C-alpha cells in the first residue's frame, strides 16, 4: 500500500499545483511549492498510520481519503495566511476533486488486463 502512496504523490502534487496556479493562487513556482506543502502534510498523515483506516476498497475508501485530504490541505493553506478563506477552500476543493479523478483513472488503468486486450484471447 505504501508504494501506491509514494507513486501518487508526484502526479497529485503536479495536478493540484497546476490547479492552484490556474486559480490565481500565485505564480507557478509558488503554486507548486504550496501544493508540495499541503500534499506532504496529507502524505505524512497517511504514512504515520491513517492509511490503512481510510484506504478501503471502492468508493468509500476514496471518499474517506478525499475528506481527509481536504481537511488537512485546507488547514495547511489557511495556516500559510496568504489568501482569504474563500479562495483557500475553493482551491482545495477543486484541486482535490481533480486529484481524485486522477486517482480514479490510475486505479482503472491498473485493473484493465492489457495483455489480453492486445494479445487476443
PDB file of N, CA and C in Angstrom:
ATOM      1  N   UNK A   1       0.824  -1.191   0.000  1.00  0.00           N
ATOM      2  CA  UNK A   1       0.000   0.000   0.000  1.00  0.00           C
ATOM      3  C   UNK A   1       0.866   1.253   0.000  1.00  0.00           C
ATOM      4  N   UNK A   2       2.018   1.177   0.658  1.00  0.00           N
ATOM      5  CA  UNK A   2       2.899   2.336   0.725  1.00  0.00           C
ATOM      6  C   UNK A   2       3.372   2.759  -0.659  1.00  0.00           C
ATOM      7  N   UNK A   3       3.629   1.774  -1.546  1.00  0.00           N
ATOM      8  CA  UNK A   3       4.079   2.133  -2.887  1.00  0.00           C
ATOM      9  C   UNK A   3       3.013   2.919  -3.641  1.00  0.00           C
ATOM     10  N   UNK A   4       1.734   2.633  -3.392  1.00  0.00           N
ATOM     11  CA  UNK A   4       0.655   3.383  -4.039  1.00  0.00           C
ATOM     12  C   UNK A   4       0.716   4.844  -3.632  1.00  0.00           C
ATOM     13  N   UNK A   5       0.926   5.103  -2.339  1.00  0.00           N
ATOM     14  CA  UNK A   5       1.000   6.490  -1.861  1.00  0.00           C
ATOM     15  C   UNK A   5       2.214   7.207  -2.442  1.00  0.00           C
ATOM     16  N   UNK A   6       3.346   6.514  -2.488  1.00  0.00           N
ATOM     17  CA  UNK A   6       4.575   7.139  -2.975  1.00  0.00           C
ATOM     18  C   UNK A   6       4.456   7.483  -4.451  1.00  0.00           C
ATOM     19  N   UNK A   7       3.951   6.562  -5.266  1.00  0.00           N
ATOM     20  CA  UNK A   7       3.869   6.814  -6.698  1.00  0.00           C
ATOM     21  C   UNK A   7       2.752   7.782  -7.067  1.00  0.00           C
ATOM     22  N   UNK A   8       1.840   8.048  -6.167  1.00  0.00           N
ATOM     23  CA  UNK A   8       0.780   9.012  -6.440  1.00  0.00           C
ATOM     24  C   UNK A   8       1.112  10.408  -5.944  1.00  0.00           C
ATOM     25  N   UNK A   9       2.139  10.548  -5.144  1.00  0.00           N
ATOM     26  CA  UNK A   9       2.465  11.841  -4.556  1.00  0.00           C
ATOM     27  C   UNK A   9       2.827  12.872  -5.622  1.00  0.00           C
ATOM     28  N   UNK A  10       3.730  12.526  -6.519  1.00  0.00           N
ATOM     29  CA  UNK A  10       4.198  13.482  -7.535  1.00  0.00           C
ATOM     30  C   UNK A  10       3.080  13.869  -8.507  1.00  0.00           C
ATOM     31  N   UNK A  11       2.344  12.914  -9.098  1.00  0.00           N
ATOM     32  CA  UNK A  11       1.271  13.339 -10.010  1.00  0.00           C
ATOM     33  C   UNK A  11       0.210  14.199  -9.324  1.00  0.00           C
ATOM     34  N   UNK A  12      -0.168  13.838  -8.098  1.00  0.00           N
ATOM     35  CA  UNK A  12      -1.168  14.643  -7.395  1.00  0.00           C
ATOM     36  C   UNK A  12      -0.638  16.030  -7.072  1.00  0.00           C
ATOM     37  N   UNK A  13       0.620  16.107  -6.673  1.00  0.00           N
ATOM     38  CA  UNK A  13       1.207  17.406  -6.377  1.00  0.00           C
ATOM     39  C   UNK A  13       1.229  18.283  -7.627  1.00  0.00           C
ATOM     40  N   UNK A  14       1.573  17.709  -8.766  1.00  0.00           N
ATOM     41  CA  UNK A  14       1.615  18.483 -10.007  1.00  0.00           C
ATOM     42  C   UNK A  14       0.226  18.936 -10.444  1.00  0.00           C
ATOM     43  N   UNK A  15      -0.748  18.037 -10.372  1.00  0.00           N
ATOM     44  CA  UNK A  15      -2.118  18.399 -10.759  1.00  0.00           C
ATOM     45  C   UNK A  15      -2.664  19.483  -9.835  1.00  0.00           C
ATOM     46  N   UNK A  16      -2.500  19.306  -8.541  1.00  0.00           N
ATOM     47  CA  UNK A  16      -3.034  20.289  -7.598  1.00  0.00           C
ATOM     48  C   UNK A  16      -2.273  21.612  -7.673  1.00  0.00           C
ATOM     49  N   UNK A  17      -0.975  21.563  -7.939  1.00  0.00           N
ATOM     50  CA  UNK A  17      -0.212  22.796  -8.127  1.00  0.00           C
ATOM     51  C   UNK A  17      -0.667  23.556  -9.359  1.00  0.00           C
ATOM     52  N   UNK A  18      -0.943  22.817 -10.428  1.00  0.00           N
ATOM     53  CA  UNK A  18      -1.447  23.449 -11.647  1.00  0.00           C
ATOM     54  C   UNK A  18      -2.808  24.100 -11.403  1.00  0.00           C
ATOM     55  N   UNK A  19      -3.669  23.413 -10.656  1.00  0.00           N
ATOM     56  CA  UNK A  19      -4.989  23.971 -10.335  1.00  0.00           C
ATOM     57  C   UNK A  19      -4.837  25.242  -9.506  1.00  0.00           C
ATOM     58  N   UNK A  20      -3.968  25.225  -8.503  1.00  0.00           N
ATOM     59  CA  UNK A  20      -3.737  26.432  -7.702  1.00  0.00           C
ATOM     60  C   UNK A  20      -3.265  27.583  -8.583  1.00  0.00           C
ATOM     61  N   UNK A  21      -2.370  27.301  -9.498  1.00  0.00           N
ATOM     62  CA  UNK A  21      -1.845  28.331 -10.390  1.00  0.00           C
ATOM     63  C   UNK A  21      -2.944  28.910 -11.276  1.00  0.00           C
ATOM     64  N   UNK A  22      -3.799  28.031 -11.817  1.00  0.00           N
ATOM     65  CA  UNK A  22      -4.886  28.498 -12.686  1.00  0.00           C
ATOM     66  C   UNK A  22      -5.946  29.274 -11.908  1.00  0.00           C
ATOM     67  N   UNK A  23      -6.036  29.052 -10.616  1.00  0.00           N
ATOM     68  CA  UNK A  23      -6.997  29.791  -9.790  1.00  0.00           C
ATOM     69  C   UNK A  23      -6.382  31.073  -9.230  1.00  0.00           C
ATOM     70  N   UNK A  24      -5.286  31.498  -9.838  1.00  0.00           N
ATOM     71  CA  UNK A  24      -4.620  32.756  -9.469  1.00  0.00           C
ATOM     72  C   UNK A  24      -4.088  32.731  -8.039  1.00  0.00           C
ATOM     73  N   UNK A  25      -3.617  31.567  -7.596  1.00  0.00           N
ATOM     74  CA  UNK A  25      -3.040  31.434  -6.258  1.00  0.00           C
ATOM     75  C   UNK A  25      -1.745  32.229  -6.165  1.00  0.00           C
ATOM     76  N   UNK A  26      -0.979  32.179  -7.208  1.00  0.00           N
ATOM     77  CA  UNK A  26       0.305  32.867  -7.282  1.00  0.00           C
ATOM     78  C   UNK A  26       0.990  32.446  -8.567  1.00  0.00           C
ATOM     79  N   UNK A  27       2.273  32.736  -8.677  1.00  0.00           N
ATOM     80  CA  UNK A  27       2.984  32.276  -9.864  1.00  0.00           C
ATOM     81  C   UNK A  27       3.147  30.749  -9.795  1.00  0.00           C
ATOM     82  N   UNK A  28       3.613  30.175 -10.889  1.00  0.00           N
ATOM     83  CA  UNK A  28       3.685  28.709 -10.956  1.00  0.00           C
ATOM     84  C   UNK A  28       4.610  28.104  -9.894  1.00  0.00           C
ATOM     85  N   UNK A  29       5.809  28.642  -9.675  1.00  0.00           N
ATOM     86  CA  UNK A  29       6.648  28.057  -8.614  1.00  0.00           C
ATOM     87  C   UNK A  29       6.010  28.153  -7.221  1.00  0.00           C
ATOM     88  N   UNK A  30       5.354  29.269  -6.919  1.00  0.00           N
ATOM     89  CA  UNK A  30       4.687  29.422  -5.613  1.00  0.00           C
ATOM     90  C   UNK A  30       3.553  28.407  -5.477  1.00  0.00           C
ATOM     91  N   UNK A  31       2.776  28.239  -6.541  1.00  0.00           N
ATOM     92  CA  UNK A  31       1.664  27.285  -6.509  1.00  0.00           C
ATOM     93  C   UNK A  31       2.169  25.859  -6.328  1.00  0.00           C
ATOM     94  N   UNK A  32       3.244  25.512  -7.023  1.00  0.00           N
ATOM     95  CA  UNK A  32       3.810  24.165  -6.882  1.00  0.00           C
ATOM     96  C   UNK A  32       4.374  23.952  -5.475  1.00  0.00           C
ATOM     97  N   UNK A  33       5.011  24.978  -4.923  1.00  0.00           N
ATOM     98  CA  UNK A  33       5.559  24.856  -3.572  1.00  0.00           C
ATOM     99  C   UNK A  33       4.443  24.682  -2.543  1.00  0.00           C
ATOM    100  N   UNK A  34       3.377  25.474  -2.672  1.00  0.00           N
ATOM    101  CA  UNK A  34       2.255  25.329  -1.743  1.00  0.00           C
ATOM    102  C   UNK A  34       1.575  23.975  -1.909  1.00  0.00           C
ATOM    103  N   UNK A  35       1.504  23.489  -3.148  1.00  0.00           N
ATOM    104  CA  UNK A  35       0.957  22.155  -3.383  1.00  0.00           C
ATOM    105  C   UNK A  35       1.845  21.093  -2.741  1.00  0.00           C
ATOM    106  N   UNK A  36       3.154  21.285  -2.818  1.00  0.00           N
ATOM    107  CA  UNK A  36       4.079  20.362  -2.164  1.00  0.00           C
ATOM    108  C   UNK A  36       3.857  20.353  -0.657  1.00  0.00           C
ATOM    109  N   UNK A  37       3.698  21.530  -0.060  1.00  0.00           N
ATOM    110  CA  UNK A  37       3.471  21.611   1.387  1.00  0.00           C
ATOM    111  C   UNK A  37       2.184  20.903   1.798  1.00  0.00           C
ATOM    112  N   UNK A  38       1.093  21.205   1.096  1.00  0.00           N
ATOM    113  CA  UNK A  38      -0.187  20.632   1.520  1.00  0.00           C
ATOM    114  C   UNK A  38      -0.236  19.130   1.263  1.00  0.00           C
ATOM    115  N   UNK A  39       0.355  18.669   0.172  1.00  0.00           N
ATOM    116  CA  UNK A  39       0.357  17.237  -0.094  1.00  0.00           C
ATOM    117  C   UNK A  39       1.318  16.491   0.819  1.00  0.00           C
ATOM    118  N   UNK A  40       2.407  17.129   1.203  1.00  0.00           N
ATOM    119  CA  UNK A  40       3.320  16.495   2.153  1.00  0.00           C
ATOM    120  C   UNK A  40       2.636  16.292   3.500  1.00  0.00           C
ATOM    121  N   UNK A  41       1.836  17.268   3.920  1.00  0.00           N
ATOM    122  CA  UNK A  41       1.107  17.120   5.187  1.00  0.00           C
ATOM    123  C   UNK A  41       0.122  15.954   5.106  1.00  0.00           C
ATOM    124  N   UNK A  42      -0.596  15.839   3.992  1.00  0.00           N
ATOM    125  CA  UNK A  42      -1.520  14.713   3.813  1.00  0.00           C
ATOM    126  C   UNK A  42      -0.762  13.396   3.776  1.00  0.00           C
ATOM    127  N   UNK A  43       0.315  13.376   3.022  1.00  0.00           N
ATOM    128  CA  UNK A  43       1.117  12.169   2.864  1.00  0.00           C
ATOM    129  C   UNK A  43       1.702  11.722   4.200  1.00  0.00           C
ATOM    130  N   UNK A  44       2.180  12.675   4.971  1.00  0.00           N
ATOM    131  CA  UNK A  44       2.759  12.353   6.274  1.00  0.00           C
ATOM    132  C   UNK A  44       1.719  11.719   7.198  1.00  0.00           C
ATOM    133  N   UNK A  45       0.500  12.252   7.190  1.00  0.00           N
ATOM    134  CA  UNK A  45      -0.568  11.665   7.996  1.00  0.00           C
ATOM    135  C   UNK A  45      -0.909  10.253   7.560  1.00  0.00           C
ATOM    136  N   UNK A  46      -0.885  10.013   6.252  1.00  0.00           N
ATOM    137  CA  UNK A  46      -1.164   8.665   5.756  1.00  0.00           C
ATOM    138  C   UNK A  46      -0.065   7.693   6.158  1.00  0.00           C
ATOM    139  N   UNK A  47       1.177   8.130   6.051  1.00  0.00           N
ATOM    140  CA  UNK A  47       2.304   7.262   6.388  1.00  0.00           C
ATOM    141  C   UNK A  47       2.331   6.954   7.881  1.00  0.00           C
ATOM    142  N   UNK A  48       1.964   7.927   8.698  1.00  0.00           N
ATOM    143  CA  UNK A  48       2.035   7.739  10.148  1.00  0.00           C
ATOM    144  C   UNK A  48       0.923   6.857  10.704  1.00  0.00           C
ATOM    145  N   UNK A  49       0.062   6.359   9.852  1.00  0.00           N
ATOM    146  CA  UNK A  49      -0.877   5.381  10.360  1.00  0.00           C
ATOM    147  C   UNK A  49      -2.313   5.507   9.942  1.00  0.00           C
ATOM    148  N   UNK A  50      -2.687   6.587   9.283  1.00  0.00           N
ATOM    149  CA  UNK A  50      -4.087   6.716   8.889  1.00  0.00           C
ATOM    150  C   UNK A  50      -4.416   5.958   7.612  1.00  0.00           C
ATOM    151  N   UNK A  51      -3.407   5.640   6.819  1.00  0.00           N
ATOM    152  CA  UNK A  51      -3.609   4.993   5.530  1.00  0.00           C
ATOM    153  C   UNK A  51      -4.450   3.734   5.564  1.00  0.00           C
ATOM    154  N   UNK A  52      -4.125   2.757   6.401  1.00  0.00           N
ATOM    155  CA  UNK A  52      -4.913   1.523   6.405  1.00  0.00           C
ATOM    156  C   UNK A  52      -6.375   1.736   6.798  1.00  0.00           C
ATOM    157  N   UNK A  53      -6.656   2.769   7.568  1.00  0.00           N
ATOM    158  CA  UNK A  53      -8.029   3.002   8.003  1.00  0.00           C
ATOM    159  C   UNK A  53      -8.890   3.651   6.929  1.00  0.00           C
ATOM    160  N   UNK A  54      -8.267   4.416   6.040  1.00  0.00           N
ATOM    161  CA  UNK A  54      -9.077   5.115   5.043  1.00  0.00           C
ATOM    162  C   UNK A  54      -8.825   4.609   3.634  1.00  0.00           C
ATOM    163  N   UNK A  55      -8.090   3.533   3.478  1.00  0.00           N
ATOM    164  CA  UNK A  55      -7.776   3.020   2.148  1.00  0.00           C
ATOM    165  C   UNK A  55      -8.654   1.822   1.810  1.00  0.00           C
ATOM    166  N   UNK A  56      -9.919   1.890   2.141  1.00  0.00           N
ATOM    167  CA  UNK A  56     -10.825   0.800   1.845  1.00  0.00           C
ATOM    168  C   UNK A  56     -11.062   0.649   0.361  1.00  0.00           C
ATOM    169  N   UNK A  57     -11.635  -0.450   0.000  1.00  0.00           N
ATOM    170  CA  UNK A  57     -11.938  -0.712  -1.397  1.00  0.00           C
ATOM    171  C   UNK A  57     -13.140   0.105  -1.850  1.00  0.00           C
ATOM    172  N   UNK A  58     -13.135   0.450  -3.108  1.00  0.00           N
ATOM    173  CA  UNK A  58     -14.291   1.092  -3.710  1.00  0.00           C
ATOM    174  C   UNK A  58     -14.455   2.557  -3.361  1.00  0.00           C
ATOM    175  N   UNK A  59     -15.670   3.041  -3.551  1.00  0.00           N
ATOM    176  CA  UNK A  59     -15.911   4.482  -3.391  1.00  0.00           C
ATOM    177  C   UNK A  59     -15.783   4.984  -1.959  1.00  0.00           C
ATOM    178  N   UNK A  60     -16.010   4.128  -0.961  1.00  0.00           N
ATOM    179  CA  UNK A  60     -15.908   4.606   0.419  1.00  0.00           C
ATOM    180  C   UNK A  60     -14.479   4.969   0.786  1.00  0.00           C
ATOM    181  N   UNK A  61     -13.525   4.178   0.339  1.00  0.00           N
ATOM    182  CA  UNK A  61     -12.126   4.487   0.612  1.00  0.00           C
ATOM    183  C   UNK A  61     -11.715   5.807  -0.017  1.00  0.00           C
ATOM    184  N   UNK A  62     -12.140   6.023  -1.257  1.00  0.00           N
ATOM    185  CA  UNK A  62     -11.813   7.275  -1.932  1.00  0.00           C
ATOM    186  C   UNK A  62     -12.531   8.454  -1.289  1.00  0.00           C
ATOM    187  N   UNK A  63     -13.756   8.237  -0.827  1.00  0.00           N
ATOM    188  CA  UNK A  63     -14.498   9.304  -0.151  1.00  0.00           C
ATOM    189  C   UNK A  63     -13.810   9.698   1.154  1.00  0.00           C
ATOM    190  N   UNK A  64     -13.404   8.703   1.936  1.00  0.00           N
ATOM    191  CA  UNK A  64     -12.698   8.999   3.183  1.00  0.00           C
ATOM    192  C   UNK A  64     -11.348   9.657   2.923  1.00  0.00           C
ATOM    193  N   UNK A  65     -10.639   9.174   1.910  1.00  0.00           N
ATOM    194  CA  UNK A  65      -9.352   9.769   1.571  1.00  0.00           C
ATOM    195  C   UNK A  65      -9.531  11.221   1.127  1.00  0.00           C
ATOM    196  N   UNK A  66     -10.536  11.477   0.299  1.00  0.00           N
ATOM    197  CA  UNK A  66     -10.791  12.842  -0.166  1.00  0.00           C
ATOM    198  C   UNK A  66     -11.167  13.776   0.964  1.00  0.00           C
ATOM    199  N   UNK A  67     -11.999  13.304   1.882  1.00  0.00           N
ATOM    200  CA  UNK A  67     -12.399  14.130   3.026  1.00  0.00           C
ATOM    201  C   UNK A  67     -11.202  14.453   3.907  1.00  0.00           C
ATOM    202  N   UNK A  68     -10.405  13.447   4.200  1.00  0.00           N
ATOM    203  CA  UNK A  68      -9.192  13.660   4.999  1.00  0.00           C
ATOM    204  C   UNK A  68      -8.259  14.645   4.303  1.00  0.00           C
ATOM    205  N   UNK A  69      -8.061  14.452   3.020  1.00  0.00           N
ATOM    206  CA  UNK A  69      -7.148  15.299   2.264  1.00  0.00           C
ATOM    207  C   UNK A  69      -7.627  16.748   2.230  1.00  0.00           C
ATOM    208  N   UNK A  70      -8.910  16.963   2.036  1.00  0.00           N
ATOM    209  CA  UNK A  70      -9.463  18.322   2.014  1.00  0.00           C
ATOM    210  C   UNK A  70      -9.255  19.000   3.360  1.00  0.00           C
ATOM    211  N   UNK A  71      -9.527  18.287   4.434  1.00  0.00           N
ATOM    212  CA  UNK A  71      -9.366  18.886   5.765  1.00  0.00           C
ATOM    213  C   UNK A  71      -7.910  19.261   6.042  1.00  0.00           C
ATOM    214  N   UNK A  72      -6.992  18.350   5.768  1.00  0.00           N
ATOM    215  CA  UNK A  72      -5.581  18.600   6.063  1.00  0.00           C
ATOM    216  C   UNK A  72      -5.017  19.686   5.151  1.00  0.00           C
ATOM    217  N   UNK A  73      -5.265  19.571   3.854  1.00  0.00           N
ATOM    218  CA  UNK A  73      -4.691  20.526   2.914  1.00  0.00           C
ATOM    219  C   UNK A  73      -5.289  21.917   3.087  1.00  0.00           C
ATOM    220  N   UNK A  74      -6.575  21.995   3.358  1.00  0.00           N
ATOM    221  CA  UNK A  74      -7.187  23.294   3.626  1.00  0.00           C
ATOM    222  C   UNK A  74      -6.617  23.944   4.869  1.00  0.00           C
ATOM    223  N   UNK A  75      -6.391  23.140   5.890  1.00  0.00           N
ATOM    224  CA  UNK A  75      -5.809  23.668   7.127  1.00  0.00           C
ATOM    225  C   UNK A  75      -4.392  24.179   6.893  1.00  0.00           C
ATOM    226  N   UNK A  76      -3.608  23.427   6.128  1.00  0.00           N
ATOM    227  CA  UNK A  76      -2.234  23.855   5.838  1.00  0.00           C
ATOM    228  C   UNK A  76      -2.236  25.183   5.086  1.00  0.00           C
ATOM    229  N   UNK A  77      -3.081  25.300   4.069  1.00  0.00           N
ATOM    230  CA  UNK A  77      -3.116  26.550   3.300  1.00  0.00           C
ATOM    231  C   UNK A  77      -3.668  27.706   4.125  1.00  0.00           C
ATOM    232  N   UNK A  78      -4.601  27.436   5.018  1.00  0.00           N
ATOM    233  CA  UNK A  78      -5.100  28.506   5.893  1.00  0.00           C
ATOM    234  C   UNK A  78      -3.996  28.984   6.833  1.00  0.00           C
ATOM    235  N   UNK A  79      -3.172  28.062   7.319  1.00  0.00           N
ATOM    236  CA  UNK A  79      -2.089  28.440   8.227  1.00  0.00           C
ATOM    237  C   UNK A  79      -1.015  29.281   7.533  1.00  0.00           C
ATOM    238  N   UNK A  80      -0.909  29.169   6.217  1.00  0.00           N
ATOM    239  CA  UNK A  80       0.047  29.997   5.486  1.00  0.00           C
ATOM    240  C   UNK A  80      -0.388  31.462   5.435  1.00  0.00           C
ATOM    241  N   UNK A  81      -1.680  31.717   5.601  1.00  0.00           N
ATOM    242  CA  UNK A  81      -2.262  33.065   5.633  1.00  0.00           C
ATOM    243  C   UNK A  81      -1.871  33.902   4.421  1.00  0.00           C
ATOM    244  N   UNK A  82      -1.940  33.302   3.235  1.00  0.00           N
ATOM    245  CA  UNK A  82      -1.602  34.033   2.014  1.00  0.00           C
ATOM    246  C   UNK A  82      -2.830  34.523   1.258  1.00  0.00           C
ATOM    247  N   UNK A  83      -3.967  33.889   1.501  1.00  0.00           N
ATOM    248  CA  UNK A  83      -5.177  34.222   0.750  1.00  0.00           C
ATOM    249  C   UNK A  83      -6.387  34.152   1.668  1.00  0.00           C
ATOM    250  N   UNK A  84      -7.502  34.772   1.242  1.00  0.00           N
ATOM    251  CA  UNK A  84      -8.720  34.708   2.057  1.00  0.00           C
ATOM    252  C   UNK A  84      -9.294  33.282   2.083  1.00  0.00           C
ATOM    253  N   UNK A  85     -10.063  32.980   3.129  1.00  0.00           N
ATOM    254  CA  UNK A  85     -10.603  31.614   3.276  1.00  0.00           C
ATOM    255  C   UNK A  85     -11.418  31.128   2.073  1.00  0.00           C
ATOM    256  N   UNK A  86     -12.167  32.018   1.440  1.00  0.00           N
ATOM    257  CA  UNK A  86     -12.988  31.591   0.297  1.00  0.00           C
ATOM    258  C   UNK A  86     -12.113  31.029  -0.825  1.00  0.00           C
ATOM    259  N   UNK A  87     -11.009  31.692  -1.127  1.00  0.00           N
ATOM    260  CA  UNK A  87     -10.102  31.205  -2.168  1.00  0.00           C
ATOM    261  C   UNK A  87      -9.396  29.927  -1.720  1.00  0.00           C
ATOM    262  N   UNK A  88      -8.998  29.868  -0.467  1.00  0.00           N
ATOM    263  CA  UNK A  88      -8.298  28.683   0.046  1.00  0.00           C
ATOM    264  C   UNK A  88      -9.174  27.448  -0.090  1.00  0.00           C
ATOM    265  N   UNK A  89     -10.391  27.513   0.434  1.00  0.00           N
ATOM    266  CA  UNK A  89     -11.234  26.315   0.450  1.00  0.00           C
ATOM    267  C   UNK A  89     -11.763  25.961  -0.933  1.00  0.00           C
ATOM    268  N   UNK A  90     -12.027  26.954  -1.777  1.00  0.00           N
ATOM    269  CA  UNK A  90     -12.457  26.617  -3.139  1.00  0.00           C
ATOM    270  C   UNK A  90     -11.302  25.988  -3.918  1.00  0.00           C
ATOM    271  N   UNK A  91     -10.086  26.499  -3.737  1.00  0.00           N
ATOM    272  CA  UNK A  91      -8.929  25.907  -4.414  1.00  0.00           C
ATOM    273  C   UNK A  91      -8.687  24.479  -3.936  1.00  0.00           C
ATOM    274  N   UNK A  92      -8.797  24.260  -2.637  1.00  0.00           N
ATOM    275  CA  UNK A  92      -8.579  22.914  -2.091  1.00  0.00           C
ATOM    276  C   UNK A  92      -9.656  21.949  -2.585  1.00  0.00           C
ATOM    277  N   UNK A  93     -10.898  22.382  -2.598  1.00  0.00           N
ATOM    278  CA  UNK A  93     -11.979  21.502  -3.062  1.00  0.00           C
ATOM    279  C   UNK A  93     -11.806  21.128  -4.529  1.00  0.00           C
ATOM    280  N   UNK A  94     -11.524  22.111  -5.375  1.00  0.00           N
ATOM    281  CA  UNK A  94     -11.366  21.827  -6.803  1.00  0.00           C
ATOM    282  C   UNK A  94     -10.119  20.983  -7.050  1.00  0.00           C
ATOM    283  N   UNK A  95      -9.018  21.318  -6.398  1.00  0.00           N
ATOM    284  CA  UNK A  95      -7.778  20.556  -6.584  1.00  0.00           C
ATOM    285  C   UNK A  95      -7.957  19.107  -6.140  1.00  0.00           C
ATOM    286  N   UNK A  96      -8.635  18.887  -5.030  1.00  0.00           N
ATOM    287  CA  UNK A  96      -8.835  17.516  -4.559  1.00  0.00           C
ATOM    288  C   UNK A  96      -9.837  16.759  -5.409  1.00  0.00           C
ATOM    289  N   UNK A  97     -10.837  17.438  -5.920  1.00  0.00           N
ATOM    290  CA  UNK A  97     -11.778  16.776  -6.824  1.00  0.00           C
ATOM    291  C   UNK A  97     -11.045  16.272  -8.064  1.00  0.00           C
ATOM    292  N   UNK A  98     -10.227  17.125  -8.654  1.00  0.00           N
ATOM    293  CA  UNK A  98      -9.473  16.692  -9.829  1.00  0.00           C
ATOM    294  C   UNK A  98      -8.390  15.685  -9.463  1.00  0.00           C
ATOM    295  N   UNK A  99      -7.831  15.795  -8.272  1.00  0.00           N
ATOM    296  CA  UNK A  99      -6.876  14.794  -7.810  1.00  0.00           C
ATOM    297  C   UNK A  99      -7.521  13.424  -7.670  1.00  0.00           C
ATOM    298  N   UNK A 100      -8.756  13.393  -7.187  1.00  0.00           N
ATOM    299  CA  UNK A 100      -9.481  12.117  -7.082  1.00  0.00           C
ATOM    300  C   UNK A 100      -9.790  11.549  -8.461  1.00  0.00           C
ATOM    301  N   UNK A 101     -10.050  12.404  -9.438  1.00  0.00           N
ATOM    302  CA  UNK A 101     -10.255  11.935 -10.809  1.00  0.00           C
ATOM    303  C   UNK A 101      -8.973  11.280 -11.330  1.00  0.00           C
ATOM    304  N   UNK A 102      -7.826  11.893 -11.048  1.00  0.00           N
ATOM    305  CA  UNK A 102      -6.543  11.304 -11.448  1.00  0.00           C
ATOM    306  C   UNK A 102      -6.351   9.944 -10.776  1.00  0.00           C
ATOM    307  N   UNK A 103      -6.657   9.850  -9.484  1.00  0.00           N
ATOM    308  CA  UNK A 103      -6.542   8.563  -8.782  1.00  0.00           C
ATOM    309  C   UNK A 103      -7.492   7.526  -9.364  1.00  0.00           C
ATOM    310  N   UNK A 104      -8.719   7.932  -9.671  1.00  0.00           N
ATOM    311  CA  UNK A 104      -9.681   7.004 -10.268  1.00  0.00           C
ATOM    312  C   UNK A 104      -9.175   6.470 -11.602  1.00  0.00           C
ATOM    313  N   UNK A 105      -8.630   7.349 -12.425  1.00  0.00           N
ATOM    314  CA  UNK A 105      -8.100   6.918 -13.719  1.00  0.00           C
ATOM    315  C   UNK A 105      -6.948   5.939 -13.537  1.00  0.00           C
ATOM    316  N   UNK A 106      -6.079   6.230 -12.593  1.00  0.00           N
ATOM    317  CA  UNK A 106      -4.938   5.350 -12.358  1.00  0.00           C
ATOM    318  C   UNK A 106      -5.397   3.977 -11.873  1.00  0.00           C
ATOM    319  N   UNK A 107      -6.353   3.948 -10.972  1.00  0.00           N
ATOM    320  CA  UNK A 107      -6.875   2.671 -10.472  1.00  0.00           C
ATOM    321  C   UNK A 107      -7.576   1.917 -11.597  1.00  0.00           C
ATOM    322  N   UNK A 108      -8.322   2.621 -12.424  1.00  0.00           N
ATOM    323  CA  UNK A 108      -9.000   1.982 -13.553  1.00  0.00           C
ATOM    324  C   UNK A 108      -7.986   1.345 -14.496  1.00  0.00           C
ATOM    325  N   UNK A 109      -6.934   2.076 -14.839  1.00  0.00           N
ATOM    326  CA  UNK A 109      -5.949   1.544 -15.774  1.00  0.00           C
ATOM    327  C   UNK A 109      -5.143   0.398 -15.171  1.00  0.00           C
ATOM    328  N   UNK A 110      -5.028   0.346 -13.861  1.00  0.00           N
ATOM    329  CA  UNK A 110      -4.371  -0.799 -13.222  1.00  0.00           C
ATOM    330  C   UNK A 110      -5.250  -2.048 -13.286  1.00  0.00           C
ATOM    331  N   UNK A 111      -6.561  -1.870 -13.288  1.00  0.00           N
ATOM    332  CA  UNK A 111      -7.481  -3.001 -13.264  1.00  0.00           C
ATOM    333  C   UNK A 111      -7.646  -3.656 -14.631  1.00  0.00           C
ATOM    334  N   UNK A 112      -7.388  -2.923 -15.696  1.00  0.00           N
ATOM    335  CA  UNK A 112      -7.573  -3.466 -17.038  1.00  0.00           C
ATOM    336  C   UNK A 112      -6.455  -4.469 -17.328  1.00  0.00           C
ATOM    337  N   UNK A 113      -6.841  -5.614 -17.857  1.00  0.00           N
ATOM    338  CA  UNK A 113      -5.871  -6.639 -18.243  1.00  0.00           C
ATOM    339  C   UNK A 113      -5.394  -6.322 -19.661  1.00  0.00           C
ATOM    340  N   UNK A 114      -4.329  -5.546 -19.763  1.00  0.00           N
ATOM    341  CA  UNK A 114      -3.864  -5.044 -21.049  1.00  0.00           C
ATOM    342  C   UNK A 114      -3.319  -6.155 -21.939  1.00  0.00           C
ATOM    343  N   UNK A 115      -2.724  -7.181 -21.359  1.00  0.00           N
ATOM    344  CA  UNK A 115      -2.152  -8.247 -22.186  1.00  0.00           C
ATOM    345  C   UNK A 115      -3.239  -9.002 -22.941  1.00  0.00           C
ATOM    346  N   UNK A 116      -4.383  -9.220 -22.314  1.00  0.00           N
ATOM    347  CA  UNK A 116      -5.458  -9.927 -23.015  1.00  0.00           C
ATOM    348  C   UNK A 116      -6.105  -9.045 -24.077  1.00  0.00           C
ATOM    349  N   UNK A 117      -6.047  -7.752 -23.917  1.00  0.00           N
ATOM    350  CA  UNK A 117      -6.613  -6.856 -24.924  1.00  0.00           C
ATOM    351  C   UNK A 117      -5.783  -6.851 -26.200  1.00  0.00           C
ATOM    352  N   UNK A 118      -4.469  -6.885 -26.063  1.00  0.00           N
ATOM    353  CA  UNK A 118      -3.602  -6.757 -27.222  1.00  0.00           C
ATOM    354  C   UNK A 118      -3.146  -8.095 -27.787  1.00  0.00           C
ATOM    355  N   UNK A 119      -3.187  -9.142 -26.998  1.00  0.00           N
ATOM    356  CA  UNK A 119      -2.762 -10.453 -27.473  1.00  0.00           C
ATOM    357  C   UNK A 119      -3.914 -11.217 -28.107  1.00  0.00           C
ATOM    358  N   UNK A 120      -5.111 -10.807 -27.797  1.00  0.00           N
ATOM    359  CA  UNK A 120      -6.277 -11.502 -28.331  1.00  0.00           C
ATOM    360  C   UNK A 120      -6.421 -12.881 -27.720  1.00  0.00           C
ATOM    361  N   UNK A 121      -7.435 -13.051 -26.935  1.00  0.00           N
ATOM    362  CA  UNK A 121      -7.585 -14.358 -26.293  1.00  0.00           C
ATOM    363  C   UNK A 121      -8.934 -14.894 -26.653  1.00  0.00           C
TER     364      UNK A 121
END
